[in-house]
N, C-alpha and C. Protein backbone atom coordinates (compact mmCIF):
# COMPACT_ATOMS: atom_id res chain seq x y z
N MET A 1 -10.98 -1.04 15.19
CA MET A 1 -11.34 -1.59 14.23
C MET A 1 -10.36 -1.54 13.26
N THR A 2 -9.99 -2.50 12.32
CA THR A 2 -8.96 -2.24 11.26
C THR A 2 -9.73 -1.85 10.13
N LYS A 3 -9.03 -0.72 9.26
CA LYS A 3 -9.76 -0.64 7.98
C LYS A 3 -9.02 -1.42 7.31
N LYS A 4 -9.67 -2.14 6.40
CA LYS A 4 -9.02 -2.90 5.40
C LYS A 4 -9.79 -2.90 4.07
N GLN A 5 -9.01 -2.97 3.01
CA GLN A 5 -9.52 -3.20 1.68
C GLN A 5 -8.76 -4.10 1.06
N GLU A 6 -9.42 -5.12 0.41
CA GLU A 6 -8.64 -6.21 -0.19
C GLU A 6 -9.12 -6.19 -1.68
N VAL A 7 -8.23 -6.03 -2.58
CA VAL A 7 -8.85 -6.22 -4.08
C VAL A 7 -8.43 -7.50 -4.62
N PRO A 8 -9.24 -8.35 -5.06
CA PRO A 8 -9.15 -9.67 -5.37
C PRO A 8 -8.15 -9.76 -6.76
N VAL A 9 -7.28 -10.66 -7.00
CA VAL A 9 -6.55 -10.59 -8.14
C VAL A 9 -7.38 -11.37 -8.99
N GLN A 10 -7.46 -11.01 -10.25
CA GLN A 10 -8.09 -11.94 -11.21
C GLN A 10 -7.19 -12.89 -12.06
N ASN A 11 -7.40 -14.15 -12.18
CA ASN A 11 -6.44 -15.01 -12.82
C ASN A 11 -7.11 -15.58 -14.11
N ILE A 12 -6.54 -15.78 -15.13
CA ILE A 12 -7.08 -16.66 -16.14
C ILE A 12 -7.05 -18.12 -15.89
N PRO A 13 -8.05 -18.58 -16.17
CA PRO A 13 -8.02 -20.24 -15.95
C PRO A 13 -6.88 -20.95 -16.74
N GLY A 14 -6.20 -21.72 -15.89
CA GLY A 14 -4.97 -22.52 -16.38
C GLY A 14 -3.82 -21.75 -16.43
N ASP A 15 -3.70 -20.43 -16.17
CA ASP A 15 -2.51 -19.71 -16.11
C ASP A 15 -2.04 -19.69 -14.54
N GLN A 16 -0.68 -19.30 -14.47
CA GLN A 16 -0.27 -18.94 -13.16
C GLN A 16 -0.69 -17.82 -12.63
N PRO A 17 -0.89 -17.58 -11.47
CA PRO A 17 -1.27 -16.18 -10.82
C PRO A 17 -0.02 -15.23 -11.31
N LYS A 18 -0.74 -13.91 -11.47
CA LYS A 18 0.06 -12.85 -11.81
C LYS A 18 0.88 -12.54 -10.54
N SER A 19 1.98 -11.68 -10.75
CA SER A 19 2.67 -11.19 -9.54
C SER A 19 1.82 -10.20 -8.82
N ASP A 20 1.50 -10.68 -7.70
CA ASP A 20 0.79 -9.80 -6.71
C ASP A 20 1.53 -8.61 -6.17
N PHE A 21 1.00 -7.37 -6.01
CA PHE A 21 1.69 -6.49 -5.26
C PHE A 21 0.91 -6.53 -3.85
N ILE A 22 1.61 -6.77 -2.87
CA ILE A 22 1.00 -6.80 -1.50
C ILE A 22 1.56 -5.70 -0.67
N LEU A 23 0.57 -4.69 -0.44
CA LEU A 23 0.78 -3.39 0.25
C LEU A 23 0.13 -3.36 1.60
N ARG A 24 0.99 -2.87 2.46
CA ARG A 24 0.21 -2.54 3.83
C ARG A 24 0.59 -1.14 4.07
N LEU A 25 -0.50 -0.43 4.32
CA LEU A 25 -0.51 1.03 4.67
C LEU A 25 -0.79 1.36 6.15
N PHE A 26 0.11 1.86 6.89
CA PHE A 26 -0.09 2.20 8.29
C PHE A 26 -0.46 3.64 8.44
N VAL A 27 -1.55 3.91 9.08
CA VAL A 27 -1.98 5.25 9.34
C VAL A 27 -2.44 5.47 10.68
N THR A 28 -2.65 6.83 11.10
CA THR A 28 -3.00 7.29 12.57
C THR A 28 -4.27 7.80 12.32
N GLY A 29 -5.22 6.73 12.67
CA GLY A 29 -6.84 7.26 12.51
C GLY A 29 -7.07 7.86 11.24
N ALA A 30 -8.06 9.02 11.52
CA ALA A 30 -8.42 9.75 10.42
C ALA A 30 -7.67 11.26 10.28
N SER A 31 -6.42 11.19 10.60
CA SER A 31 -5.71 12.42 10.47
C SER A 31 -5.67 12.87 9.02
N PRO A 32 -5.49 14.18 8.77
CA PRO A 32 -5.32 14.68 7.50
C PRO A 32 -4.33 13.98 6.51
N ASN A 33 -3.03 13.65 7.01
CA ASN A 33 -2.17 12.99 6.48
C ASN A 33 -2.53 11.40 6.11
N SER A 34 -3.11 10.86 7.15
CA SER A 34 -3.51 9.55 6.79
C SER A 34 -4.66 9.38 5.65
N THR A 35 -5.59 10.29 5.85
CA THR A 35 -6.73 10.46 4.83
C THR A 35 -6.09 10.65 3.35
N ARG A 36 -5.18 11.69 3.18
CA ARG A 36 -4.48 11.97 2.10
C ARG A 36 -3.73 10.64 1.43
N ALA A 37 -3.06 10.11 2.44
CA ALA A 37 -2.07 8.84 1.96
C ALA A 37 -3.03 7.84 1.43
N ILE A 38 -4.14 7.40 2.20
CA ILE A 38 -5.05 6.44 1.73
C ILE A 38 -5.79 6.82 0.29
N SER A 39 -6.14 8.08 0.00
CA SER A 39 -6.66 8.50 -1.12
C SER A 39 -5.82 8.31 -2.22
N ASN A 40 -4.38 9.18 -2.00
CA ASN A 40 -3.37 8.89 -3.05
C ASN A 40 -3.17 7.67 -3.46
N LEU A 41 -2.86 6.78 -2.58
CA LEU A 41 -2.39 5.43 -2.75
C LEU A 41 -3.45 4.70 -3.45
N LYS A 42 -4.73 4.68 -3.31
CA LYS A 42 -5.82 4.16 -3.74
C LYS A 42 -5.93 4.49 -5.32
N ASN A 43 -5.59 5.76 -5.52
CA ASN A 43 -5.59 6.24 -6.99
C ASN A 43 -4.52 5.55 -7.57
N ILE A 44 -3.37 5.71 -7.13
CA ILE A 44 -2.23 5.19 -7.85
C ILE A 44 -2.37 3.69 -8.13
N CYS A 45 -2.87 3.11 -7.19
CA CYS A 45 -2.97 1.55 -7.49
C CYS A 45 -4.08 1.17 -8.51
N GLU A 46 -5.29 1.92 -8.49
CA GLU A 46 -6.26 1.80 -9.49
C GLU A 46 -5.78 2.05 -10.98
N GLU A 47 -4.91 3.20 -10.96
CA GLU A 47 -4.38 3.63 -12.17
C GLU A 47 -3.16 2.68 -12.80
N HIS A 48 -2.43 2.20 -11.93
CA HIS A 48 -1.20 1.58 -12.37
C HIS A 48 -1.03 -0.06 -12.14
N LEU A 49 -1.72 -0.40 -11.23
CA LEU A 49 -1.98 -1.76 -10.62
C LEU A 49 -3.30 -2.64 -10.82
N LYS A 50 -4.21 -2.07 -11.37
CA LYS A 50 -5.65 -2.46 -11.75
C LYS A 50 -5.58 -4.14 -11.54
N ASP A 51 -6.39 -4.53 -10.67
CA ASP A 51 -6.58 -5.95 -10.43
C ASP A 51 -5.42 -6.74 -10.21
N ARG A 52 -4.23 -6.08 -9.76
CA ARG A 52 -2.97 -6.85 -9.35
C ARG A 52 -2.26 -6.47 -8.10
N TYR A 53 -3.39 -6.05 -7.26
CA TYR A 53 -2.88 -5.69 -5.80
C TYR A 53 -3.80 -5.83 -4.74
N GLU A 54 -3.13 -6.08 -3.63
CA GLU A 54 -3.93 -6.44 -2.39
C GLU A 54 -3.56 -5.17 -1.37
N LEU A 55 -4.24 -4.30 -0.86
CA LEU A 55 -4.01 -3.24 0.03
C LEU A 55 -4.63 -3.38 1.32
N GLU A 56 -3.70 -3.47 2.25
CA GLU A 56 -4.44 -3.54 3.72
C GLU A 56 -4.01 -2.35 4.52
N ILE A 57 -4.88 -1.62 4.95
CA ILE A 57 -4.83 -0.37 5.53
C ILE A 57 -5.05 -0.60 7.11
N ILE A 58 -3.99 -0.32 8.01
CA ILE A 58 -3.98 -0.47 9.23
C ILE A 58 -3.84 0.65 9.98
N ASP A 59 -4.84 0.78 10.92
CA ASP A 59 -4.78 2.08 11.74
C ASP A 59 -3.97 1.56 13.02
N VAL A 60 -2.86 2.31 13.25
CA VAL A 60 -1.95 1.83 14.43
C VAL A 60 -2.65 2.12 15.87
N TYR A 61 -3.75 3.03 15.80
CA TYR A 61 -4.32 3.20 17.07
C TYR A 61 -5.15 1.99 17.46
N GLN A 62 -5.75 1.19 16.31
CA GLN A 62 -6.64 0.20 16.57
C GLN A 62 -5.75 -1.09 16.48
N GLN A 63 -4.58 -1.11 16.18
CA GLN A 63 -3.83 -2.44 15.95
C GLN A 63 -2.20 -1.91 16.41
N PRO A 64 -1.95 -1.69 17.68
CA PRO A 64 -0.65 -1.27 17.90
C PRO A 64 0.16 -2.45 18.08
N LEU A 65 -0.15 -3.64 18.23
CA LEU A 65 0.78 -4.70 18.28
C LEU A 65 1.47 -5.09 16.78
N VAL A 66 0.46 -4.81 15.69
CA VAL A 66 1.00 -4.93 14.57
C VAL A 66 2.03 -3.84 14.13
N ALA A 67 1.57 -2.69 14.49
CA ALA A 67 2.64 -1.50 14.35
C ALA A 67 4.07 -1.80 15.06
N GLU A 68 3.83 -2.33 16.26
CA GLU A 68 5.19 -2.59 16.97
C GLU A 68 5.89 -3.61 16.25
N ARG A 69 5.25 -4.65 15.64
CA ARG A 69 6.05 -5.80 15.14
C ARG A 69 6.57 -5.50 13.80
N GLU A 70 6.07 -4.48 13.13
CA GLU A 70 6.58 -3.91 11.96
C GLU A 70 7.87 -2.83 11.98
N GLN A 71 7.98 -2.41 13.33
CA GLN A 71 8.97 -1.43 13.78
C GLN A 71 8.70 -0.27 12.79
N LEU A 72 7.71 0.36 13.09
CA LEU A 72 7.29 1.72 12.30
C LEU A 72 8.25 2.96 12.92
N ILE A 73 8.70 3.67 11.98
CA ILE A 73 9.54 4.80 12.39
C ILE A 73 8.73 6.11 12.22
N ALA A 74 7.82 6.15 11.30
CA ALA A 74 7.04 7.21 10.94
C ALA A 74 5.74 6.98 10.42
N LEU A 75 4.68 7.78 10.26
CA LEU A 75 3.39 7.37 9.75
C LEU A 75 3.00 8.76 8.95
N PRO A 76 2.22 8.53 7.99
CA PRO A 76 1.84 7.22 7.42
C PRO A 76 3.00 6.42 6.66
N LEU A 77 2.82 5.21 6.77
CA LEU A 77 4.16 4.27 6.07
C LEU A 77 3.36 3.18 5.23
N LEU A 78 3.94 3.10 4.05
CA LEU A 78 3.63 1.95 3.12
C LEU A 78 4.59 1.15 2.95
N ILE A 79 4.23 -0.29 3.32
CA ILE A 79 5.21 -1.27 3.14
C ILE A 79 4.86 -2.26 2.00
N LYS A 80 5.72 -2.25 0.98
CA LYS A 80 5.37 -3.18 -0.07
C LYS A 80 6.12 -4.42 0.27
N LYS A 81 5.12 -5.61 0.57
CA LYS A 81 5.73 -6.80 0.89
C LYS A 81 6.18 -7.75 -0.24
N ALA A 82 5.60 -7.53 -1.39
CA ALA A 82 5.65 -8.23 -2.62
C ALA A 82 5.26 -7.40 -3.95
N PRO A 83 5.71 -7.81 -4.98
CA PRO A 83 6.90 -8.57 -5.37
C PRO A 83 8.23 -8.16 -4.96
N GLY A 84 9.22 -8.92 -5.02
CA GLY A 84 10.65 -8.43 -4.79
C GLY A 84 10.82 -8.07 -3.39
N MET A 85 11.78 -7.53 -3.16
CA MET A 85 12.41 -6.99 -1.74
C MET A 85 11.29 -6.03 -1.24
N GLU A 86 11.14 -6.14 0.20
CA GLU A 86 10.22 -5.15 0.89
C GLU A 86 10.80 -3.71 0.97
N ARG A 87 9.79 -2.86 0.32
CA ARG A 87 10.20 -1.43 0.25
C ARG A 87 9.40 -0.69 1.40
N ARG A 88 9.90 0.26 1.99
CA ARG A 88 9.09 1.28 2.88
C ARG A 88 9.05 2.68 2.13
N LEU A 89 7.75 3.25 2.28
CA LEU A 89 7.94 4.65 1.92
C LEU A 89 7.03 5.41 2.85
N ILE A 90 7.51 6.53 3.27
CA ILE A 90 6.94 7.38 4.15
C ILE A 90 6.18 8.57 3.76
N GLY A 91 5.12 9.00 4.15
CA GLY A 91 4.51 10.33 3.68
C GLY A 91 2.97 10.08 3.27
N ASP A 92 2.45 10.96 2.73
CA ASP A 92 1.05 11.26 2.22
C ASP A 92 0.86 10.58 0.86
N MET A 93 2.08 9.94 0.37
CA MET A 93 1.86 9.36 -0.96
C MET A 93 1.35 10.17 -2.12
N SER A 94 1.81 11.54 -1.99
CA SER A 94 1.18 12.74 -2.79
C SER A 94 2.35 12.81 -4.10
N ASN A 95 3.57 12.20 -3.85
CA ASN A 95 4.62 12.16 -4.88
C ASN A 95 4.45 10.97 -5.55
N LYS A 96 3.64 11.07 -6.76
CA LYS A 96 3.37 9.93 -7.44
C LYS A 96 4.57 9.36 -8.12
N GLU A 97 5.47 10.09 -8.46
CA GLU A 97 6.89 9.45 -9.14
C GLU A 97 7.53 8.60 -8.07
N LYS A 98 7.63 9.10 -6.77
CA LYS A 98 8.32 8.40 -5.83
C LYS A 98 7.56 7.28 -5.52
N VAL A 99 6.27 7.19 -5.34
CA VAL A 99 5.67 6.06 -5.12
C VAL A 99 5.62 4.88 -5.90
N LEU A 100 5.64 5.30 -7.27
CA LEU A 100 5.78 4.53 -8.46
C LEU A 100 7.15 3.86 -8.30
N LYS A 101 8.17 4.63 -7.97
CA LYS A 101 9.49 4.18 -8.00
C LYS A 101 9.78 3.10 -7.02
N GLY A 102 9.06 3.53 -5.67
CA GLY A 102 9.18 2.62 -4.57
C GLY A 102 8.57 1.29 -4.74
N LEU A 103 7.45 1.20 -5.68
CA LEU A 103 6.68 -0.03 -6.07
C LEU A 103 7.49 -0.73 -7.13
N GLY A 104 8.59 -0.10 -7.79
CA GLY A 104 9.24 -0.96 -8.75
C GLY A 104 8.67 -0.59 -10.25
N LEU A 105 7.79 0.40 -10.32
CA LEU A 105 7.22 0.77 -11.54
C LEU A 105 7.47 1.83 -12.44
N GLU A 106 7.43 2.01 -13.59
CA GLU A 106 8.05 3.10 -14.35
C GLU A 106 7.03 4.36 -14.22
N PHE A 107 7.58 5.56 -14.08
CA PHE A 107 6.59 6.70 -14.15
C PHE A 107 6.76 7.33 -15.35
N SER A 108 5.34 7.49 -15.96
CA SER A 108 5.27 8.36 -17.28
C SER A 108 4.51 9.28 -17.05
N ALA A 109 4.82 10.65 -17.36
CA ALA A 109 4.09 11.71 -17.06
C ALA A 109 2.92 11.97 -18.07
């Protein structure tokens, strides 16, 4: 079973949709690194991208074909699909500054 959390984007009627952040986090079951990556990324997204992101969490044990198609090199792995160019970040997402930079956002301490 794929773990998946989608956060709907709120649009103001009559306005163009906001630039969505489309994120896919690949994890290996409930390993400690995977659990930390999920928690850290959710916290970062809620703090910095509130209502402007979609996060799909994919367990490679449950979805091996998806993992193969994405040509994963290490896990956990975050792939930012949009906006802009695709970016890949490896690790437990504990370095907030690197994650924000990888998402194309400014870091403020």
